mmCIF file of all heavy atoms, coordinates in Angstrom:
data_MODEL
# 
_entry.id   MODEL 
# 
loop_
_atom_site.group_PDB 
_atom_site.id 
_atom_site.type_symbol 
_atom_site.label_atom_id 
_atom_site.label_alt_id 
_atom_site.label_comp_id 
_atom_site.label_asym_id 
_atom_site.label_entity_id 
_atom_site.label_seq_id 
_atom_site.pdbx_PDB_ins_code 
_atom_site.Cartn_x 
_atom_site.Cartn_y 
_atom_site.Cartn_z 
_atom_site.occupancy 
_atom_site.B_iso_or_equiv 
_atom_site.pdbx_formal_charge 
_atom_site.auth_seq_id 
_atom_site.auth_comp_id 
_atom_site.auth_asym_id 
_atom_site.auth_atom_id 
_atom_site.pdbx_PDB_model_num 
ATOM 1   N N   . LEU A 1 1  ? -36.756 -21.856 -30.541 1.00 0.00 ? 1  LEU A N   1 
ATOM 2   C CA  . LEU A 1 1  ? -37.815 -22.836 -30.809 1.00 0.00 ? 1  LEU A CA  1 
ATOM 3   C C   . LEU A 1 1  ? -39.182 -22.288 -30.437 1.00 0.00 ? 1  LEU A C   1 
ATOM 4   O O   . LEU A 1 1  ? -40.177 -22.535 -31.137 1.00 0.00 ? 1  LEU A O   1 
ATOM 5   C CB  . LEU A 1 1  ? -37.517 -24.125 -30.044 1.00 0.00 ? 1  LEU A CB  1 
ATOM 6   C CG  . LEU A 1 1  ? -36.236 -24.864 -30.465 1.00 0.00 ? 1  LEU A CG  1 
ATOM 7   C CD1 . LEU A 1 1  ? -35.894 -25.952 -29.450 1.00 0.00 ? 1  LEU A CD1 1 
ATOM 8   C CD2 . LEU A 1 1  ? -36.376 -25.456 -31.859 1.00 0.00 ? 1  LEU A CD2 1 
ATOM 9   N N   . ALA A 1 2  ? -39.244 -21.536 -29.340 1.00 0.00 ? 2  ALA A N   1 
ATOM 10  C CA  . ALA A 1 2  ? -40.509 -20.942 -28.916 1.00 0.00 ? 2  ALA A CA  1 
ATOM 11  C C   . ALA A 1 2  ? -40.967 -19.869 -29.902 1.00 0.00 ? 2  ALA A C   1 
ATOM 12  O O   . ALA A 1 2  ? -42.145 -19.822 -30.293 1.00 0.00 ? 2  ALA A O   1 
ATOM 13  C CB  . ALA A 1 2  ? -40.364 -20.348 -27.521 1.00 0.00 ? 2  ALA A CB  1 
ATOM 14  N N   . GLU A 1 3  ? -40.038 -19.011 -30.309 1.00 0.00 ? 3  GLU A N   1 
ATOM 15  C CA  . GLU A 1 3  ? -40.390 -17.913 -31.223 1.00 0.00 ? 3  GLU A CA  1 
ATOM 16  C C   . GLU A 1 3  ? -40.979 -18.432 -32.519 1.00 0.00 ? 3  GLU A C   1 
ATOM 17  O O   . GLU A 1 3  ? -41.900 -17.821 -33.095 1.00 0.00 ? 3  GLU A O   1 
ATOM 18  C CB  . GLU A 1 3  ? -39.146 -17.077 -31.514 1.00 0.00 ? 3  GLU A CB  1 
ATOM 19  C CG  . GLU A 1 3  ? -39.396 -15.928 -32.486 1.00 0.00 ? 3  GLU A CG  1 
ATOM 20  C CD  . GLU A 1 3  ? -38.140 -15.138 -32.827 1.00 0.00 ? 3  GLU A CD  1 
ATOM 21  O OE1 . GLU A 1 3  ? -37.059 -15.456 -32.277 1.00 0.00 ? 3  GLU A OE1 1 
ATOM 22  O OE2 . GLU A 1 3  ? -38.243 -14.200 -33.655 1.00 0.00 ? 3  GLU A OE2 1 
ATOM 23  N N   . HIS A 1 4  ? -40.484 -19.571 -32.984 1.00 0.00 ? 4  HIS A N   1 
ATOM 24  C CA  . HIS A 1 4  ? -40.898 -20.065 -34.294 1.00 0.00 ? 4  HIS A CA  1 
ATOM 25  C C   . HIS A 1 4  ? -41.851 -21.259 -34.221 1.00 0.00 ? 4  HIS A C   1 
ATOM 26  O O   . HIS A 1 4  ? -42.114 -21.902 -35.239 1.00 0.00 ? 4  HIS A O   1 
ATOM 27  C CB  . HIS A 1 4  ? -39.660 -20.410 -35.116 1.00 0.00 ? 4  HIS A CB  1 
ATOM 28  C CG  . HIS A 1 4  ? -38.780 -19.211 -35.349 1.00 0.00 ? 4  HIS A CG  1 
ATOM 29  N ND1 . HIS A 1 4  ? -39.140 -18.170 -36.172 1.00 0.00 ? 4  HIS A ND1 1 
ATOM 30  C CD2 . HIS A 1 4  ? -37.566 -18.869 -34.812 1.00 0.00 ? 4  HIS A CD2 1 
ATOM 31  C CE1 . HIS A 1 4  ? -38.188 -17.251 -36.167 1.00 0.00 ? 4  HIS A CE1 1 
ATOM 32  N NE2 . HIS A 1 4  ? -37.227 -17.644 -35.355 1.00 0.00 ? 4  HIS A NE2 1 
ATOM 33  N N   . GLY A 1 5  ? -42.365 -21.531 -33.041 1.00 0.00 ? 5  GLY A N   1 
ATOM 34  C CA  . GLY A 1 5  ? -43.439 -22.504 -32.904 1.00 0.00 ? 5  GLY A CA  1 
ATOM 35  C C   . GLY A 1 5  ? -43.071 -23.941 -33.181 1.00 0.00 ? 5  GLY A C   1 
ATOM 36  O O   . GLY A 1 5  ? -43.905 -24.728 -33.643 1.00 0.00 ? 5  GLY A O   1 
ATOM 37  N N   . PHE A 1 6  ? -41.830 -24.327 -32.909 1.00 0.00 ? 6  PHE A N   1 
ATOM 38  C CA  . PHE A 1 6  ? -41.424 -25.721 -33.094 1.00 0.00 ? 6  PHE A CA  1 
ATOM 39  C C   . PHE A 1 6  ? -42.103 -26.612 -32.058 1.00 0.00 ? 6  PHE A C   1 
ATOM 40  O O   . PHE A 1 6  ? -42.233 -26.239 -30.888 1.00 0.00 ? 6  PHE A O   1 
ATOM 41  C CB  . PHE A 1 6  ? -39.906 -25.869 -32.934 1.00 0.00 ? 6  PHE A CB  1 
ATOM 42  C CG  . PHE A 1 6  ? -39.106 -25.585 -34.161 1.00 0.00 ? 6  PHE A CG  1 
ATOM 43  C CD1 . PHE A 1 6  ? -38.971 -24.286 -34.634 1.00 0.00 ? 6  PHE A CD1 1 
ATOM 44  C CD2 . PHE A 1 6  ? -38.481 -26.612 -34.855 1.00 0.00 ? 6  PHE A CD2 1 
ATOM 45  C CE1 . PHE A 1 6  ? -38.214 -24.008 -35.771 1.00 0.00 ? 6  PHE A CE1 1 
ATOM 46  C CE2 . PHE A 1 6  ? -37.721 -26.354 -35.994 1.00 0.00 ? 6  PHE A CE2 1 
ATOM 47  C CZ  . PHE A 1 6  ? -37.595 -25.043 -36.452 1.00 0.00 ? 6  PHE A CZ  1 
ATOM 48  N N   . LEU A 1 7  ? -42.534 -27.784 -32.494 1.00 0.00 ? 7  LEU A N   1 
ATOM 49  C CA  . LEU A 1 7  ? -42.965 -28.843 -31.584 1.00 0.00 ? 7  LEU A CA  1 
ATOM 50  C C   . LEU A 1 7  ? -41.757 -29.733 -31.335 1.00 0.00 ? 7  LEU A C   1 
ATOM 51  O O   . LEU A 1 7  ? -41.154 -30.240 -32.288 1.00 0.00 ? 7  LEU A O   1 
ATOM 52  C CB  . LEU A 1 7  ? -44.102 -29.656 -32.198 1.00 0.00 ? 7  LEU A CB  1 
ATOM 53  C CG  . LEU A 1 7  ? -44.510 -30.932 -31.457 1.00 0.00 ? 7  LEU A CG  1 
ATOM 54  C CD1 . LEU A 1 7  ? -45.030 -30.612 -30.065 1.00 0.00 ? 7  LEU A CD1 1 
ATOM 55  C CD2 . LEU A 1 7  ? -45.554 -31.714 -32.255 1.00 0.00 ? 7  LEU A CD2 1 
ATOM 56  N N   . VAL A 1 8  ? -41.410 -29.927 -30.072 1.00 0.00 ? 8  VAL A N   1 
ATOM 57  C CA  . VAL A 1 8  ? -40.174 -30.625 -29.728 1.00 0.00 ? 8  VAL A CA  1 
ATOM 58  C C   . VAL A 1 8  ? -40.490 -31.931 -29.003 1.00 0.00 ? 8  VAL A C   1 
ATOM 59  O O   . VAL A 1 8  ? -41.203 -31.929 -27.992 1.00 0.00 ? 8  VAL A O   1 
ATOM 60  C CB  . VAL A 1 8  ? -39.268 -29.745 -28.852 1.00 0.00 ? 8  VAL A CB  1 
ATOM 61  C CG1 . VAL A 1 8  ? -38.003 -30.496 -28.459 1.00 0.00 ? 8  VAL A CG1 1 
ATOM 62  C CG2 . VAL A 1 8  ? -38.908 -28.457 -29.610 1.00 0.00 ? 8  VAL A CG2 1 
ATOM 63  N N   . GLY A 1 9  ? -39.974 -33.023 -29.522 1.00 0.00 ? 9  GLY A N   1 
ATOM 64  C CA  . GLY A 1 9  ? -40.054 -34.304 -28.831 1.00 0.00 ? 9  GLY A CA  1 
ATOM 65  C C   . GLY A 1 9  ? -38.794 -34.514 -28.014 1.00 0.00 ? 9  GLY A C   1 
ATOM 66  O O   . GLY A 1 9  ? -37.683 -34.343 -28.524 1.00 0.00 ? 9  GLY A O   1 
ATOM 67  N N   . VAL A 1 10 ? -38.957 -34.847 -26.754 1.00 0.00 ? 10 VAL A N   1 
ATOM 68  C CA  . VAL A 1 10 ? -37.827 -35.057 -25.846 1.00 0.00 ? 10 VAL A CA  1 
ATOM 69  C C   . VAL A 1 10 ? -37.761 -36.531 -25.470 1.00 0.00 ? 10 VAL A C   1 
ATOM 70  O O   . VAL A 1 10 ? -38.741 -37.105 -24.994 1.00 0.00 ? 10 VAL A O   1 
ATOM 71  C CB  . VAL A 1 10 ? -37.958 -34.193 -24.579 1.00 0.00 ? 10 VAL A CB  1 
ATOM 72  C CG1 . VAL A 1 10 ? -36.843 -34.512 -23.581 1.00 0.00 ? 10 VAL A CG1 1 
ATOM 73  C CG2 . VAL A 1 10 ? -37.936 -32.710 -24.939 1.00 0.00 ? 10 VAL A CG2 1 
ATOM 74  N N   . SER A 1 11 ? -36.606 -37.131 -25.677 1.00 0.00 ? 11 SER A N   1 
ATOM 75  C CA  . SER A 1 11 ? -36.412 -38.543 -25.344 1.00 0.00 ? 11 SER A CA  1 
ATOM 76  C C   . SER A 1 11 ? -36.043 -38.676 -23.878 1.00 0.00 ? 11 SER A C   1 
ATOM 77  O O   . SER A 1 11 ? -35.010 -38.172 -23.437 1.00 0.00 ? 11 SER A O   1 
ATOM 78  C CB  . SER A 1 11 ? -35.304 -39.145 -26.220 1.00 0.00 ? 11 SER A CB  1 
ATOM 79  O OG  . SER A 1 11 ? -35.658 -39.094 -27.583 1.00 0.00 ? 11 SER A OG  1 
ATOM 80  N N   . ILE A 1 12 ? -36.892 -39.350 -23.112 1.00 0.00 ? 12 ILE A N   1 
ATOM 81  C CA  . ILE A 1 12 ? -36.627 -39.577 -21.694 1.00 0.00 ? 12 ILE A CA  1 
ATOM 82  C C   . ILE A 1 12 ? -37.319 -40.874 -21.293 1.00 0.00 ? 12 ILE A C   1 
ATOM 83  O O   . ILE A 1 12 ? -38.480 -41.105 -21.655 1.00 0.00 ? 12 ILE A O   1 
ATOM 84  C CB  . ILE A 1 12 ? -37.091 -38.395 -20.826 1.00 0.00 ? 12 ILE A CB  1 
ATOM 85  C CG1 . ILE A 1 12 ? -36.700 -38.618 -19.366 1.00 0.00 ? 12 ILE A CG1 1 
ATOM 86  C CG2 . ILE A 1 12 ? -38.585 -38.121 -20.986 1.00 0.00 ? 12 ILE A CG2 1 
ATOM 87  C CD1 . ILE A 1 12 ? -36.719 -37.370 -18.515 1.00 0.00 ? 12 ILE A CD1 1 
ATOM 88  N N   . ASP A 1 13 ? -36.631 -41.716 -20.565 1.00 0.00 ? 13 ASP A N   1 
ATOM 89  C CA  . ASP A 1 13 ? -37.128 -43.069 -20.303 1.00 0.00 ? 13 ASP A CA  1 
ATOM 90  C C   . ASP A 1 13 ? -37.707 -43.272 -18.915 1.00 0.00 ? 13 ASP A C   1 
ATOM 91  O O   . ASP A 1 13 ? -37.919 -44.413 -18.498 1.00 0.00 ? 13 ASP A O   1 
ATOM 92  C CB  . ASP A 1 13 ? -36.009 -44.089 -20.543 1.00 0.00 ? 13 ASP A CB  1 
ATOM 93  C CG  . ASP A 1 13 ? -35.775 -44.346 -22.027 1.00 0.00 ? 13 ASP A CG  1 
ATOM 94  O OD1 . ASP A 1 13 ? -36.567 -43.844 -22.855 1.00 0.00 ? 13 ASP A OD1 1 
ATOM 95  O OD2 . ASP A 1 13 ? -34.803 -45.047 -22.360 1.00 0.00 ? 13 ASP A OD2 1 
ATOM 96  N N   . GLY A 1 14 ? -37.993 -42.174 -18.206 1.00 0.00 ? 14 GLY A N   1 
ATOM 97  C CA  . GLY A 1 14 ? -38.579 -42.310 -16.882 1.00 0.00 ? 14 GLY A CA  1 
ATOM 98  C C   . GLY A 1 14 ? -37.721 -41.661 -15.824 1.00 0.00 ? 14 GLY A C   1 
ATOM 99  O O   . GLY A 1 14 ? -36.841 -40.836 -16.118 1.00 0.00 ? 14 GLY A O   1 
ATOM 100 N N   . PRO A 1 15 ? -37.948 -41.997 -14.540 1.00 0.00 ? 15 PRO A N   1 
ATOM 101 C CA  . PRO A 1 15 ? -37.124 -41.460 -13.465 1.00 0.00 ? 15 PRO A CA  1 
ATOM 102 C C   . PRO A 1 15 ? -35.651 -41.791 -13.649 1.00 0.00 ? 15 PRO A C   1 
ATOM 103 O O   . PRO A 1 15 ? -35.281 -42.626 -14.486 1.00 0.00 ? 15 PRO A O   1 
ATOM 104 C CB  . PRO A 1 15 ? -37.705 -42.148 -12.221 1.00 0.00 ? 15 PRO A CB  1 
ATOM 105 C CG  . PRO A 1 15 ? -39.094 -42.537 -12.599 1.00 0.00 ? 15 PRO A CG  1 
ATOM 106 C CD  . PRO A 1 15 ? -39.033 -42.867 -14.059 1.00 0.00 ? 15 PRO A CD  1 
ATOM 107 N N   . ARG A 1 16 ? -34.815 -41.156 -12.859 1.00 0.00 ? 16 ARG A N   1 
ATOM 108 C CA  . ARG A 1 16 ? -33.369 -41.177 -13.057 1.00 0.00 ? 16 ARG A CA  1 
ATOM 109 C C   . ARG A 1 16 ? -32.798 -42.569 -13.325 1.00 0.00 ? 16 ARG A C   1 
ATOM 110 O O   . ARG A 1 16 ? -32.099 -42.788 -14.325 1.00 0.00 ? 16 ARG A O   1 
ATOM 111 C CB  . ARG A 1 16 ? -32.675 -40.576 -11.825 1.00 0.00 ? 16 ARG A CB  1 
ATOM 112 C CG  . ARG A 1 16 ? -31.143 -40.522 -11.946 1.00 0.00 ? 16 ARG A CG  1 
ATOM 113 C CD  . ARG A 1 16 ? -30.511 -40.040 -10.640 1.00 0.00 ? 16 ARG A CD  1 
ATOM 114 N NE  . ARG A 1 16 ? -30.960 -38.715 -10.284 1.00 0.00 ? 16 ARG A NE  1 
ATOM 115 C CZ  . ARG A 1 16 ? -30.409 -37.585 -10.734 1.00 0.00 ? 16 ARG A CZ  1 
ATOM 116 N NH1 . ARG A 1 16 ? -29.374 -37.634 -11.563 1.00 0.00 ? 16 ARG A NH1 1 
ATOM 117 N NH2 . ARG A 1 16 ? -30.878 -36.415 -10.344 1.00 0.00 ? 16 ARG A NH2 1 
ATOM 118 N N   . ALA A 1 17 ? -33.041 -43.523 -12.439 1.00 0.00 ? 17 ALA A N   1 
ATOM 119 C CA  . ALA A 1 17 ? -32.402 -44.836 -12.581 1.00 0.00 ? 17 ALA A CA  1 
ATOM 120 C C   . ALA A 1 17 ? -32.829 -45.532 -13.866 1.00 0.00 ? 17 ALA A C   1 
ATOM 121 O O   . ALA A 1 17 ? -32.009 -46.181 -14.538 1.00 0.00 ? 17 ALA A O   1 
ATOM 122 C CB  . ALA A 1 17 ? -32.724 -45.711 -11.374 1.00 0.00 ? 17 ALA A CB  1 
ATOM 123 N N   . MET A 1 18 ? -34.097 -45.397 -14.232 1.00 0.00 ? 18 MET A N   1 
ATOM 124 C CA  . MET A 1 18 ? -34.588 -46.035 -15.455 1.00 0.00 ? 18 MET A CA  1 
ATOM 125 C C   . MET A 1 18 ? -34.022 -45.344 -16.685 1.00 0.00 ? 18 MET A C   1 
ATOM 126 O O   . MET A 1 18 ? -33.619 -45.995 -17.651 1.00 0.00 ? 18 MET A O   1 
ATOM 127 C CB  . MET A 1 18 ? -36.113 -46.012 -15.476 1.00 0.00 ? 18 MET A CB  1 
ATOM 128 C CG  . MET A 1 18 ? -36.742 -46.810 -14.344 1.00 0.00 ? 18 MET A CG  1 
ATOM 129 S SD  . MET A 1 18 ? -38.545 -46.737 -14.420 1.00 0.00 ? 18 MET A SD  1 
ATOM 130 C CE  . MET A 1 18 ? -38.942 -47.290 -12.753 1.00 0.00 ? 18 MET A CE  1 
ATOM 131 N N   . HIS A 1 19 ? -33.997 -44.027 -16.672 1.00 0.00 ? 19 HIS A N   1 
ATOM 132 C CA  . HIS A 1 19 ? -33.463 -43.275 -17.806 1.00 0.00 ? 19 HIS A CA  1 
ATOM 133 C C   . HIS A 1 19 ? -31.982 -43.571 -18.017 1.00 0.00 ? 19 HIS A C   1 
ATOM 134 O O   . HIS A 1 19 ? -31.535 -43.822 -19.144 1.00 0.00 ? 19 HIS A O   1 
ATOM 135 C CB  . HIS A 1 19 ? -33.662 -41.777 -17.583 1.00 0.00 ? 19 HIS A CB  1 
ATOM 136 C CG  . HIS A 1 19 ? -33.053 -40.931 -18.650 1.00 0.00 ? 19 HIS A CG  1 
ATOM 137 N ND1 . HIS A 1 19 ? -33.728 -40.579 -19.800 1.00 0.00 ? 19 HIS A ND1 1 
ATOM 138 C CD2 . HIS A 1 19 ? -31.817 -40.378 -18.760 1.00 0.00 ? 19 HIS A CD2 1 
ATOM 139 C CE1 . HIS A 1 19 ? -32.932 -39.855 -20.568 1.00 0.00 ? 19 HIS A CE1 1 
ATOM 140 N NE2 . HIS A 1 19 ? -31.763 -39.705 -19.955 1.00 0.00 ? 19 HIS A NE2 1 
ATOM 141 N N   . ASP A 1 20 ? -31.223 -43.535 -16.928 1.00 0.00 ? 20 ASP A N   1 
ATOM 142 C CA  . ASP A 1 20 ? -29.769 -43.688 -17.035 1.00 0.00 ? 20 ASP A CA  1 
ATOM 143 C C   . ASP A 1 20 ? -29.314 -45.127 -17.257 1.00 0.00 ? 20 ASP A C   1 
ATOM 144 O O   . ASP A 1 20 ? -28.120 -45.372 -17.477 1.00 0.00 ? 20 ASP A O   1 
ATOM 145 C CB  . ASP A 1 20 ? -29.083 -43.123 -15.783 1.00 0.00 ? 20 ASP A CB  1 
ATOM 146 C CG  . ASP A 1 20 ? -29.080 -41.598 -15.766 1.00 0.00 ? 20 ASP A CG  1 
ATOM 147 O OD1 . ASP A 1 20 ? -29.210 -40.995 -16.849 1.00 0.00 ? 20 ASP A OD1 1 
ATOM 148 O OD2 . ASP A 1 20 ? -28.941 -41.019 -14.670 1.00 0.00 ? 20 ASP A OD2 1 
ATOM 149 N N   . ALA A 1 21 ? -30.246 -46.064 -17.208 1.00 0.00 ? 21 ALA A N   1 
ATOM 150 C CA  . ALA A 1 21 ? -29.861 -47.469 -17.426 1.00 0.00 ? 21 ALA A CA  1 
ATOM 151 C C   . ALA A 1 21 ? -29.209 -47.653 -18.791 1.00 0.00 ? 21 ALA A C   1 
ATOM 152 O O   . ALA A 1 21 ? -28.214 -48.377 -18.916 1.00 0.00 ? 21 ALA A O   1 
ATOM 153 C CB  . ALA A 1 21 ? -31.091 -48.370 -17.286 1.00 0.00 ? 21 ALA A CB  1 
ATOM 154 N N   . TYR A 1 22 ? -29.745 -46.998 -19.810 1.00 0.00 ? 22 TYR A N   1 
ATOM 155 C CA  . TYR A 1 22 ? -29.232 -47.177 -21.169 1.00 0.00 ? 22 TYR A CA  1 
ATOM 156 C C   . TYR A 1 22 ? -28.928 -45.869 -21.896 1.00 0.00 ? 22 TYR A C   1 
ATOM 157 O O   . TYR A 1 22 ? -28.210 -45.884 -22.903 1.00 0.00 ? 22 TYR A O   1 
ATOM 158 C CB  . TYR A 1 22 ? -30.228 -47.986 -22.011 1.00 0.00 ? 22 TYR A CB  1 
ATOM 159 C CG  . TYR A 1 22 ? -30.495 -49.362 -21.468 1.00 0.00 ? 22 TYR A CG  1 
ATOM 160 C CD1 . TYR A 1 22 ? -31.801 -49.787 -21.211 1.00 0.00 ? 22 TYR A CD1 1 
ATOM 161 C CD2 . TYR A 1 22 ? -29.456 -50.249 -21.194 1.00 0.00 ? 22 TYR A CD2 1 
ATOM 162 C CE1 . TYR A 1 22 ? -32.054 -51.064 -20.705 1.00 0.00 ? 22 TYR A CE1 1 
ATOM 163 C CE2 . TYR A 1 22 ? -29.694 -51.514 -20.685 1.00 0.00 ? 22 TYR A CE2 1 
ATOM 164 C CZ  . TYR A 1 22 ? -30.997 -51.916 -20.446 1.00 0.00 ? 22 TYR A CZ  1 
ATOM 165 O OH  . TYR A 1 22 ? -31.239 -53.170 -19.943 1.00 0.00 ? 22 TYR A OH  1 
ATOM 166 N N   . ARG A 1 23 ? -29.461 -44.753 -21.416 1.00 0.00 ? 23 ARG A N   1 
ATOM 167 C CA  . ARG A 1 23 ? -29.263 -43.476 -22.107 1.00 0.00 ? 23 ARG A CA  1 
ATOM 168 C C   . ARG A 1 23 ? -28.030 -42.777 -21.538 1.00 0.00 ? 23 ARG A C   1 
ATOM 169 O O   . ARG A 1 23 ? -28.130 -41.953 -20.625 1.00 0.00 ? 23 ARG A O   1 
ATOM 170 C CB  . ARG A 1 23 ? -30.507 -42.597 -22.015 1.00 0.00 ? 23 ARG A CB  1 
ATOM 171 C CG  . ARG A 1 23 ? -31.724 -43.225 -22.706 1.00 0.00 ? 23 ARG A CG  1 
ATOM 172 C CD  . ARG A 1 23 ? -32.846 -42.229 -22.906 1.00 0.00 ? 23 ARG A CD  1 
ATOM 173 N NE  . ARG A 1 23 ? -32.460 -41.158 -23.819 1.00 0.00 ? 23 ARG A NE  1 
ATOM 174 C CZ  . ARG A 1 23 ? -32.458 -41.247 -25.146 1.00 0.00 ? 23 ARG A CZ  1 
ATOM 175 N NH1 . ARG A 1 23 ? -32.835 -42.382 -25.738 1.00 0.00 ? 23 ARG A NH1 1 
ATOM 176 N NH2 . ARG A 1 23 ? -32.089 -40.225 -25.884 1.00 0.00 ? 23 ARG A NH2 1 
ATOM 177 N N   . VAL A 1 24 ? -26.889 -43.111 -22.102 1.00 0.00 ? 24 VAL A N   1 
ATOM 178 C CA  . VAL A 1 24 ? -25.600 -42.606 -21.604 1.00 0.00 ? 24 VAL A CA  1 
ATOM 179 C C   . VAL A 1 24 ? -24.879 -41.859 -22.734 1.00 0.00 ? 24 VAL A C   1 
ATOM 180 O O   . VAL A 1 24 ? -25.226 -41.973 -23.907 1.00 0.00 ? 24 VAL A O   1 
ATOM 181 C CB  . VAL A 1 24 ? -24.708 -43.760 -21.094 1.00 0.00 ? 24 VAL A CB  1 
ATOM 182 C CG1 . VAL A 1 24 ? -25.355 -44.431 -19.893 1.00 0.00 ? 24 VAL A CG1 1 
ATOM 183 C CG2 . VAL A 1 24 ? -24.463 -44.786 -22.207 1.00 0.00 ? 24 VAL A CG2 1 
ATOM 184 N N   . ASP A 1 25 ? -23.836 -41.094 -22.354 1.00 0.00 ? 25 ASP A N   1 
ATOM 185 C CA  . ASP A 1 25 ? -23.076 -40.355 -23.358 1.00 0.00 ? 25 ASP A CA  1 
ATOM 186 C C   . ASP A 1 25 ? -21.925 -41.203 -23.895 1.00 0.00 ? 25 ASP A C   1 
ATOM 187 O O   . ASP A 1 25 ? -21.792 -42.389 -23.556 1.00 0.00 ? 25 ASP A O   1 
ATOM 188 C CB  . ASP A 1 25 ? -22.599 -39.018 -22.795 1.00 0.00 ? 25 ASP A CB  1 
ATOM 189 C CG  . ASP A 1 25 ? -21.604 -39.166 -21.646 1.00 0.00 ? 25 ASP A CG  1 
ATOM 190 O OD1 . ASP A 1 25 ? -21.024 -40.265 -21.457 1.00 0.00 ? 25 ASP A OD1 1 
ATOM 191 O OD2 . ASP A 1 25 ? -21.383 -38.165 -20.925 1.00 0.00 ? 25 ASP A OD2 1 
ATOM 192 N N   . LYS A 1 26 ? -21.079 -40.596 -24.706 1.00 0.00 ? 26 LYS A N   1 
ATOM 193 C CA  . LYS A 1 26 ? -19.987 -41.329 -25.337 1.00 0.00 ? 26 LYS A CA  1 
ATOM 194 C C   . LYS A 1 26 ? -18.988 -41.877 -24.320 1.00 0.00 ? 26 LYS A C   1 
ATOM 195 O O   . LYS A 1 26 ? -18.275 -42.839 -24.599 1.00 0.00 ? 26 LYS A O   1 
ATOM 196 C CB  . LYS A 1 26 ? -19.255 -40.428 -26.338 1.00 0.00 ? 26 LYS A CB  1 
ATOM 197 C CG  . LYS A 1 26 ? -20.113 -39.920 -27.482 1.00 0.00 ? 26 LYS A CG  1 
ATOM 198 C CD  . LYS A 1 26 ? -20.575 -41.037 -28.401 1.00 0.00 ? 26 LYS A CD  1 
ATOM 199 C CE  . LYS A 1 26 ? -21.293 -40.475 -29.616 1.00 0.00 ? 26 LYS A CE  1 
ATOM 200 N NZ  . LYS A 1 26 ? -21.834 -41.538 -30.493 1.00 0.00 ? 26 LYS A NZ  1 
ATOM 201 N N   . GLY A 1 27 ? -18.950 -41.275 -23.138 1.00 0.00 ? 27 GLY A N   1 
ATOM 202 C CA  . GLY A 1 27 ? -18.067 -41.759 -22.085 1.00 0.00 ? 27 GLY A CA  1 
ATOM 203 C C   . GLY A 1 27 ? -18.738 -42.728 -21.138 1.00 0.00 ? 27 GLY A C   1 
ATOM 204 O O   . GLY A 1 27 ? -18.159 -43.114 -20.122 1.00 0.00 ? 27 GLY A O   1 
ATOM 205 N N   . GLY A 1 28 ? -19.991 -43.110 -21.451 1.00 0.00 ? 28 GLY A N   1 
ATOM 206 C CA  . GLY A 1 28 ? -20.732 -44.031 -20.600 1.00 0.00 ? 28 GLY A CA  1 
ATOM 207 C C   . GLY A 1 28 ? -21.342 -43.375 -19.373 1.00 0.00 ? 28 GLY A C   1 
ATOM 208 O O   . GLY A 1 28 ? -21.826 -44.067 -18.472 1.00 0.00 ? 28 GLY A O   1 
# 
């Protein structure tokens, strides 16, 4: 991504507890 100049958007909802409230994997 760096070599080819991609702009990357990263989804993150804040500090750990706030992020993990709803952003979970297939196993929860």
